[in-house]
Amino acid sequence: MAVAPPDEALRELGDVVDGLRALPGADALRWTGPEQWHLTLAFLGEVAEDTLPDLRERLARAARRHPPARLRLAGGGRFGDRVLWAGVTGHTPELGRLAASVNAAARHAGIALDEERRFTAHLTLARNRGHTRLRPFAEPLADFAGRDWTAREIALIRSNLPAPASAAPGAPGPRPRYQTLGTWPLGH
C-alpha cells in the first residue's frame, strides 16, 4: 500500500538524485528509479488472489476515513548504512494514521503482517549492496525541499519480481516491476 507523489515532485527529487549518483562510490549502491518511488504505508507481502476482494473493500473504507494530506518531499537521510531515503514533511501525522488504518484493513482481511513497525514517512532512493558509507550521500539531501503537493489517493501496488539471475545477491540486474491493482480516493 502506498501513496505516489506527483510527477513534478518526482522530477524535482530526480534532479537531486542525479547529482548523488555522480558521487564517488555511487555505483556500489542499488538505486531505485522514479518509476519505483512511492511512500509505503504498509508492506503486505504475498497476498492470495482470493483475499483481494475483501482487502479492496476494506482499503476503500480506510481511505474514506482520512482526508487528503498536504505533503512535500524534503530532506533525507539513511537507515544506518543500509538504505538512503528522501524525507517527507507536511501532514505526516495524518499519513501515519492512514498507514495504521491500512495495516488494520489488511489484518482484518486476513493478511498476516510480518511485524508492526513504527511508520516513518520516507521514499527509498538506494540500498547498499556492500560496505559503502551512506553519509556522503545523505548529507546533500539535507537542504532539499521540493514543492508542496496533496496526496489524494492510496494505491495497492504489487511488486512483480524478476526471474532469479545467476548473479550475486545485490548485483545490478532487472528490478522489480510495480503493478497498481487499485486506487482509492482519500476523504470521500
Protein backbone atom coordinates (compact mmCIF):
# COMPACT_ATOMS: atom_id res chain seq x y z
CA MET A 1 0.00 0.00 0.00
CA ALA A 2 1.38 3.34 -0.98
CA VAL A 3 0.97 6.99 -1.76
CA ALA A 4 2.57 8.09 -5.02
CA PRO A 5 3.97 11.63 -5.27
CA PRO A 6 3.04 13.52 -8.44
CA ASP A 7 5.40 13.57 -11.42
CA GLU A 8 6.50 17.16 -10.72
CA ALA A 9 7.66 16.23 -7.22
CA LEU A 10 9.47 13.17 -8.58
CA ARG A 11 11.26 15.27 -11.22
CA GLU A 12 12.49 17.70 -8.55
CA LEU A 13 13.82 14.81 -6.49
CA GLY A 14 15.27 13.20 -9.61
CA ASP A 15 17.43 16.26 -10.23
CA VAL A 16 18.96 15.88 -6.76
CA VAL A 17 19.38 12.12 -7.11
CA ASP A 18 21.19 12.59 -10.44
CA GLY A 19 23.83 14.56 -8.52
CA LEU A 20 24.07 11.85 -5.85
CA ARG A 21 24.57 9.17 -8.48
CA ALA A 22 27.60 11.09 -9.75
CA LEU A 23 29.35 10.94 -6.35
CA PRO A 24 32.30 8.58 -5.83
CA GLY A 25 31.09 5.16 -4.74
CA ALA A 26 27.56 5.60 -6.14
CA ASP A 27 27.99 2.58 -8.40
CA ALA A 28 28.18 0.37 -5.28
CA LEU A 29 24.57 1.27 -4.40
CA ARG A 30 21.43 -0.28 -5.85
CA TRP A 31 19.47 2.81 -6.87
CA THR A 32 15.71 2.86 -7.24
CA GLY A 33 14.29 4.79 -10.17
CA PRO A 34 11.43 7.30 -10.31
CA GLU A 35 9.09 4.57 -11.54
CA GLN A 36 9.65 2.84 -8.17
CA TRP A 37 9.36 5.94 -5.96
CA HIS A 38 6.42 5.91 -3.59
CA LEU A 39 5.67 6.30 0.12
CA THR A 40 5.00 2.84 1.53
CA LEU A 41 2.13 2.84 4.00
CA ALA A 42 2.20 -0.92 4.60
CA PHE A 43 4.14 -3.85 3.19
CA LEU A 44 1.70 -6.70 2.79
CA GLY A 45 3.96 -9.40 1.38
CA GLU A 46 2.27 -12.19 -0.57
CA VAL A 47 -1.48 -11.66 -0.88
CA ALA A 48 -3.65 -14.52 -2.13
CA GLU A 49 -5.88 -13.64 -5.09
CA ASP A 50 -9.00 -14.76 -3.21
CA THR A 51 -8.21 -12.24 -0.46
CA LEU A 52 -8.14 -9.26 -2.84
CA PRO A 53 -11.90 -8.52 -2.99
CA ASP A 54 -12.21 -8.23 0.80
CA LEU A 55 -8.94 -6.28 1.01
CA ARG A 56 -10.11 -3.84 -1.68
CA GLU A 57 -13.36 -3.19 0.17
CA ARG A 58 -11.56 -2.59 3.46
CA LEU A 59 -9.00 -0.30 1.83
CA ALA A 60 -11.78 1.76 0.27
CA ARG A 61 -13.35 2.24 3.72
CA ALA A 62 -9.99 3.12 5.27
CA ALA A 63 -9.28 5.70 2.56
CA ARG A 64 -12.68 7.37 3.04
CA ARG A 65 -11.92 7.92 6.74
CA HIS A 66 -8.83 10.03 6.02
CA PRO A 67 -8.65 13.43 4.35
CA PRO A 68 -6.18 14.26 1.58
CA ALA A 69 -2.78 15.14 3.05
CA ARG A 70 -0.63 18.12 2.08
CA LEU A 71 2.96 16.88 1.78
CA ARG A 72 6.39 17.81 0.50
CA LEU A 73 9.45 15.72 -0.31
CA ALA A 74 12.18 17.37 1.73
CA GLY A 75 15.44 16.45 3.38
CA GLY A 76 16.65 12.92 3.59
CA GLY A 77 18.81 10.55 5.47
CA ARG A 78 19.82 6.96 5.91
CA PHE A 79 18.86 3.94 7.92
CA GLY A 80 22.36 3.08 9.09
CA ASP A 81 24.41 2.21 6.04
CA ARG A 82 21.62 0.06 4.58
CA VAL A 83 19.12 2.46 2.97
CA LEU A 84 19.31 6.02 1.61
CA TRP A 85 16.00 7.88 1.66
CA ALA A 86 14.28 11.17 0.88
CA GLY A 87 12.18 12.66 3.64
CA VAL A 88 8.58 13.82 3.73
CA THR A 89 7.20 16.83 5.59
CA GLY A 90 3.74 18.31 5.97
CA HIS A 91 0.76 16.38 7.26
CA THR A 92 2.87 13.39 8.20
CA PRO A 93 0.88 12.66 11.41
CA GLU A 94 -2.19 12.17 9.18
CA LEU A 95 -0.11 9.95 6.91
CA GLY A 96 0.85 7.88 9.97
CA ARG A 97 -2.82 7.48 10.93
CA LEU A 98 -3.58 6.46 7.34
CA ALA A 99 -0.80 3.86 7.48
CA ALA A 100 -2.27 2.46 10.72
CA SER A 101 -5.71 2.19 9.07
CA VAL A 102 -4.24 0.44 6.04
CA ASN A 103 -2.45 -2.04 8.30
CA ALA A 104 -5.69 -2.68 10.21
CA ALA A 105 -7.59 -3.20 6.93
CA ALA A 106 -5.01 -5.77 5.82
CA ARG A 107 -5.15 -7.63 9.15
CA HIS A 108 -8.98 -7.70 9.07
CA ALA A 109 -8.81 -9.09 5.53
CA GLY A 110 -6.78 -11.99 6.93
CA ILE A 111 -3.33 -10.88 5.82
CA ALA A 112 -0.62 -11.75 8.33
CA LEU A 113 1.75 -8.81 8.53
CA ASP A 114 5.35 -9.63 9.34
CA GLU A 115 5.57 -7.12 12.14
CA GLU A 116 4.21 -3.81 13.23
CA ARG A 117 6.79 -1.15 12.54
CA ARG A 118 6.52 2.45 13.58
CA PHE A 119 5.61 4.35 10.42
CA THR A 120 8.37 6.62 9.13
CA ALA A 121 7.34 8.66 6.09
CA HIS A 122 10.14 8.29 3.55
CA LEU A 123 10.89 7.43 -0.05
CA THR A 124 13.67 4.86 -0.64
CA LEU A 125 16.35 6.09 -3.04
CA ALA A 126 19.03 3.40 -2.79
CA ARG A 127 20.04 0.26 -0.96
CA ASN A 128 23.59 -0.53 -0.04
CA ARG A 129 24.99 -3.61 -1.76
CA GLY A 130 28.23 -3.66 0.15
CA HIS A 131 30.23 -1.64 2.61
CA THR A 132 29.74 1.86 1.20
CA ARG A 133 29.22 4.61 3.76
CA LEU A 134 25.95 6.39 3.08
CA ARG A 135 26.68 9.59 5.00
CA PRO A 136 28.23 11.37 1.96
CA PHE A 137 25.04 10.60 0.01
CA ALA A 138 22.67 11.63 2.80
CA GLU A 139 24.32 14.97 3.58
CA PRO A 140 23.42 16.67 0.25
CA LEU A 141 19.77 15.71 0.81
CA ALA A 142 19.59 17.83 3.98
CA ASP A 143 18.88 21.03 2.03
CA PHE A 144 16.48 19.51 -0.47
CA ALA A 145 12.95 20.92 -0.34
CA GLY A 146 10.52 20.12 -3.11
CA ARG A 147 7.21 21.79 -3.77
CA ASP A 148 4.04 21.10 -1.80
CA TRP A 149 1.59 18.56 -3.20
CA THR A 150 -1.54 16.84 -1.99
CA ALA A 151 -1.86 13.09 -1.56
CA ARG A 152 -5.39 12.39 -2.80
CA GLU A 153 -5.41 8.59 -3.02
CA ILE A 154 -3.85 5.38 -1.84
CA ALA A 155 -2.76 2.59 -4.16
CA LEU A 156 -2.45 -1.16 -3.79
CA ILE A 157 0.79 -1.99 -5.58
CA ARG A 158 2.05 -5.45 -6.47
CA SER A 159 5.77 -5.96 -6.83
CA ASN A 160 6.50 -8.36 -9.67
CA LEU A 161 9.96 -9.73 -9.02
CA PRO A 162 12.25 -10.53 -11.94
CA ALA A 163 13.28 -14.11 -12.63
CA PRO A 164 16.21 -15.16 -10.44
CA ALA A 165 19.52 -14.33 -12.04
CA SER A 166 22.75 -16.20 -11.64
CA ALA A 167 24.48 -13.01 -10.46
CA ALA A 168 25.46 -12.49 -6.83
CA PRO A 169 22.79 -11.08 -4.49
CA GLY A 170 22.54 -7.31 -4.81
CA ALA A 171 24.32 -7.26 -8.16
CA PRO A 172 22.93 -4.96 -10.85
CA GLY A 173 20.21 -6.55 -12.88
CA PRO A 174 16.49 -6.45 -13.54
CA ARG A 175 14.47 -4.50 -10.98
CA PRO A 176 11.05 -5.41 -9.64
CA ARG A 177 8.21 -4.03 -11.72
CA TYR A 178 5.30 -2.44 -9.92
CA GLN A 179 1.70 -3.01 -10.92
CA THR A 180 -1.12 -0.92 -9.47
CA LEU A 181 -4.02 -3.21 -8.54
CA GLY A 182 -6.34 -0.46 -7.37
CA THR A 183 -6.55 3.11 -6.11
CA TRP A 184 -8.95 4.70 -3.62
CA PRO A 185 -9.57 8.42 -3.07
CA LEU A 186 -8.96 9.86 0.35
CA GLY A 187 -11.79 11.50 2.24
CA HIS A 188 -14.77 10.73 0.01
